[in-house]
Protein backbone atom coordinates (compact mmCIF):
# COMPACT_ATOMS: atom_id res chain seq x y z
CA MET A 1 -0.55 -43.30 17.21
CA THR A 2 2.38 -41.09 16.27
CA GLY A 3 5.73 -42.40 17.50
CA GLU A 4 7.87 -40.29 19.76
CA GLY A 5 10.55 -39.87 17.15
CA ARG A 6 8.21 -39.07 14.29
CA PRO A 7 7.01 -35.52 13.47
CA ARG A 8 3.45 -34.62 14.26
CA ARG A 9 1.04 -34.68 11.38
CA ARG A 10 -0.13 -31.37 10.05
CA GLY A 11 -3.56 -30.31 8.96
CA PRO A 12 -4.20 -29.81 5.24
CA GLY A 13 -2.30 -26.84 3.88
CA ARG A 14 -0.88 -25.84 7.26
CA PRO A 15 2.90 -25.36 7.24
CA ARG A 16 5.11 -26.74 9.95
CA GLN A 17 5.87 -24.16 12.64
CA ASP A 18 9.63 -24.36 12.14
CA GLU A 19 9.21 -24.13 8.35
CA VAL A 20 7.28 -20.89 8.73
CA GLU A 21 9.11 -19.17 11.54
CA GLU A 22 12.66 -20.02 10.51
CA GLY A 23 12.32 -19.69 6.74
CA PRO A 24 13.76 -16.71 4.83
CA GLY A 25 10.29 -15.75 3.55
CA THR A 26 8.73 -15.31 6.98
CA GLN A 27 8.48 -11.52 6.84
CA GLU A 28 6.97 -11.63 3.37
CA ARG A 29 4.49 -14.28 4.52
CA ILE A 30 3.41 -12.04 7.39
CA ARG A 31 3.13 -8.98 5.14
CA LEU A 32 0.96 -10.85 2.66
CA ALA A 33 -1.21 -12.21 5.46
CA ALA A 34 -1.56 -8.70 6.90
CA ARG A 35 -2.60 -7.33 3.51
CA GLU A 36 -5.25 -10.04 3.24
CA VAL A 37 -6.62 -9.56 6.76
CA PHE A 38 -6.65 -5.75 6.67
CA ALA A 39 -8.40 -5.85 3.30
CA GLU A 40 -11.08 -8.21 4.62
CA ARG A 41 -11.66 -6.73 8.08
CA GLY A 42 -10.45 -3.13 7.92
CA TYR A 43 -8.16 -1.48 10.43
CA ASP A 44 -10.33 -1.59 13.56
CA LYS A 45 -11.29 -5.27 13.32
CA THR A 46 -7.80 -6.53 12.49
CA SER A 47 -5.53 -7.76 15.28
CA VAL A 48 -1.92 -8.87 15.33
CA ARG A 49 -3.12 -12.23 16.62
CA GLY A 50 -5.47 -12.58 13.65
CA VAL A 51 -2.69 -11.81 11.17
CA ALA A 52 -0.39 -14.27 12.93
CA LYS A 53 -3.02 -16.99 12.66
CA VAL A 54 -3.37 -16.50 8.89
CA ALA A 55 0.42 -16.38 8.46
CA GLY A 56 0.86 -19.52 10.57
CA VAL A 57 3.26 -17.91 13.05
CA ASP A 58 3.29 -16.95 16.71
CA PRO A 59 2.00 -13.40 17.41
CA ALA A 60 5.29 -12.63 19.13
CA LEU A 61 7.04 -13.14 15.80
CA VAL A 62 4.80 -10.54 14.15
CA HIS A 63 5.73 -8.04 16.87
CA HIS A 64 9.38 -8.98 16.46
CA TYR A 65 9.43 -8.20 12.75
CA PHE A 66 6.94 -5.34 12.53
CA GLY A 67 6.45 -3.85 15.99
CA SER A 68 3.02 -2.36 16.53
CA LYS A 69 -0.25 -2.89 14.71
CA ASP A 70 0.26 0.50 13.03
CA ASP A 71 3.66 -0.59 11.72
CA LEU A 72 2.15 -3.83 10.45
CA PHE A 73 -0.60 -1.85 8.73
CA ALA A 74 1.99 0.35 7.02
CA ALA A 75 3.93 -2.72 5.87
CA ALA A 76 0.77 -4.30 4.47
CA ILE A 77 -0.06 -1.19 2.45
CA GLU A 78 3.52 -0.64 1.34
CA ILE A 79 3.61 -4.05 -0.30
CA SER A 80 0.83 -2.82 -2.60
CA MET A 81 2.41 0.51 -3.51
CA GLU A 82 6.14 -0.39 -3.42
CA PRO A 83 7.46 3.19 -3.14
CA ALA A 84 11.11 2.06 -3.16
CA MET A 85 10.62 0.66 -6.65
CA VAL A 86 8.26 3.32 -7.92
CA VAL A 87 10.24 6.49 -7.18
CA PRO A 88 13.20 5.59 -9.46
CA ALA A 89 10.80 4.48 -12.20
CA VAL A 90 8.81 7.72 -12.03
CA ILE A 91 11.75 10.13 -11.89
CA GLY A 92 14.27 8.06 -13.82
CA GLU A 93 13.54 9.63 -17.17
CA GLY A 94 13.74 13.20 -15.91
CA PRO A 95 11.02 15.82 -15.47
CA ASP A 96 9.47 15.46 -18.91
CA GLY A 97 6.39 13.26 -18.65
CA ILE A 98 6.59 12.73 -14.90
CA GLY A 99 2.94 13.72 -14.45
CA GLU A 100 1.83 11.02 -16.84
CA ARG A 101 4.10 8.38 -15.30
CA LEU A 102 2.85 9.19 -11.80
CA ALA A 103 -0.82 9.14 -12.82
CA ARG A 104 -0.37 5.89 -14.72
CA TYR A 105 1.37 4.24 -11.77
CA PHE A 106 -1.23 5.38 -9.25
CA LEU A 107 -4.20 4.28 -11.33
CA GLY A 108 -2.43 1.03 -12.20
CA VAL A 109 -2.19 0.14 -8.52
CA TRP A 110 -5.88 0.86 -8.01
CA GLU A 111 -6.98 -0.97 -11.15
CA ASN A 112 -5.27 -4.18 -10.00
CA PRO A 113 -7.79 -6.13 -7.83
CA VAL A 114 -4.98 -7.62 -5.71
CA THR A 115 -3.58 -4.27 -4.65
CA ARG A 116 -6.89 -2.41 -4.71
CA ALA A 117 -8.46 -4.30 -1.78
CA PRO A 118 -5.93 -3.26 0.89
CA LEU A 119 -5.85 0.29 -0.44
CA LEU A 120 -9.62 0.48 -0.14
CA ALA A 121 -9.20 -0.65 3.46
CA VAL A 122 -6.66 2.07 4.20
CA ILE A 123 -8.69 4.81 2.50
CA ARG A 124 -11.90 3.86 4.30
CA SER A 125 -10.09 3.54 7.61
CA ALA A 126 -8.19 6.81 7.13
CA LEU A 127 -11.45 8.74 6.86
CA THR A 128 -12.43 7.74 10.42
CA HIS A 129 -9.27 6.51 12.17
CA GLU A 130 -6.23 8.65 12.89
CA ALA A 131 -3.78 5.73 12.95
CA ALA A 132 -4.80 4.74 9.42
CA ALA A 133 -4.68 8.37 8.29
CA LYS A 134 -1.14 8.61 9.64
CA VAL A 135 -0.12 5.57 7.61
CA LEU A 136 -1.64 7.06 4.47
CA ARG A 137 0.11 10.38 5.01
CA GLY A 138 3.43 8.74 5.69
CA LEU A 139 3.36 6.32 2.79
CA VAL A 140 1.69 8.32 0.02
CA LEU A 141 2.97 11.78 0.91
CA ARG A 142 6.37 11.45 2.57
CA ARG A 143 7.66 8.20 1.08
CA LEU A 144 6.35 8.69 -2.44
CA LEU A 145 5.33 12.16 -3.54
CA GLU A 146 7.72 14.21 -1.40
CA ARG A 147 10.66 12.09 -2.56
CA ILE A 148 9.64 12.59 -6.17
CA ALA A 149 9.28 16.34 -5.73
CA ALA A 150 12.55 16.63 -3.78
CA ASP A 151 14.46 14.71 -6.43
CA LEU A 152 13.14 17.11 -9.04
CA ASP A 153 14.69 20.00 -7.08
CA VAL A 154 11.72 22.36 -7.32
CA PRO A 155 10.65 25.04 -4.83
CA ASP A 156 8.22 24.07 -2.06
CA PRO A 157 8.36 20.30 -2.64
CA THR A 158 6.14 19.49 0.36
CA PHE A 159 3.37 21.83 -0.78
CA ARG A 160 3.62 20.50 -4.32
CA ALA A 161 3.49 16.93 -3.07
CA GLU A 162 0.37 17.71 -1.05
CA LEU A 163 -1.35 19.18 -4.10
CA ALA A 164 -0.47 16.12 -6.18
CA ALA A 165 -1.65 13.84 -3.36
CA SER A 166 -4.94 15.70 -3.06
CA HIS A 167 -5.62 15.05 -6.74
CA MET A 168 -4.77 11.36 -6.70
CA VAL A 169 -6.40 10.51 -3.37
CA GLY A 170 -9.49 12.48 -4.37
CA ILE A 171 -9.76 10.46 -7.57
CA ALA A 172 -9.34 7.24 -5.59
CA ILE A 173 -12.14 8.16 -3.18
CA LEU A 174 -14.59 9.20 -5.90
CA ARG A 175 -13.78 6.39 -8.34
CA TYR A 176 -13.18 3.39 -6.08
CA VAL A 177 -14.77 4.15 -2.70
CA LEU A 178 -17.86 6.24 -3.52
CA GLN A 179 -18.00 5.00 -7.14
CA VAL A 180 -19.31 8.31 -8.47
CA GLU A 181 -20.27 8.21 -12.14
CA PRO A 182 -19.07 8.87 -14.78
CA LEU A 183 -15.64 8.84 -13.08
CA ALA A 184 -16.16 5.32 -11.72
CA SER A 185 -16.63 3.87 -15.21
CA ALA A 186 -14.21 6.08 -17.10
CA ASP A 187 -11.36 4.51 -19.05
CA PRO A 188 -8.14 4.81 -17.00
CA GLU A 189 -6.34 6.18 -20.06
CA ASP A 190 -8.84 9.02 -20.28
CA ILE A 191 -8.21 9.87 -16.63
CA VAL A 192 -4.45 9.79 -17.14
CA ALA A 193 -4.73 12.10 -20.15
CA LEU A 194 -6.70 14.69 -18.18
CA VAL A 195 -4.87 14.47 -14.86
CA ALA A 196 -1.26 14.16 -16.06
CA PRO A 197 -0.83 17.81 -17.18
CA THR A 198 -1.97 19.05 -13.76
CA LEU A 199 0.43 16.74 -11.92
CA GLN A 200 3.17 17.82 -14.30
CA ARG A 201 2.53 21.46 -13.45
CA TYR A 202 2.48 20.81 -9.70
CA LEU A 203 5.76 18.88 -9.71
CA THR A 204 7.89 20.69 -12.28
CA GLU A 205 6.86 24.29 -12.98
CA ASP A 206 8.38 27.16 -11.01
């Protein structure tokens, strides 16, 4: 029997509640758990309670850090795309070659199995669920492509960003969701070579 002054024993692999909830990595733990659960179950079948269980925290803590399920979904997808890191890397070298850098980044995210799974979940959910579509629009369009276009100081940045997004999201759907051949089996470098000039034109030419 456990003594009154001794800590309760934990199950295998299960962190202590105070270790999880009070540690500096709590938010990251929840984000990673959300990415895992959304990837496995999709948007509709995922609940805040389910994410909390995987993260080993109280559901109230998930709401405290991330608010609604939609906000949690956005955070889970953002951890795969990392727009805050990507935008400087894409535009940092100036307009020359930005189409290639953007195409290479986008395909690189999709080619990585770890980041591909949650993105598949968001794409599939976005086709049938408005909340997921809103996340996709906000993250891919406003937080990534519009910022790139705006930083390039070209006319009609929103329209240009939408054109670039239509290309990249369309490729993602055909290659990774529907797996249409020969696109599904094409070498990523071949796709980059063909797509980059079009993205370059959208984002830089007057």
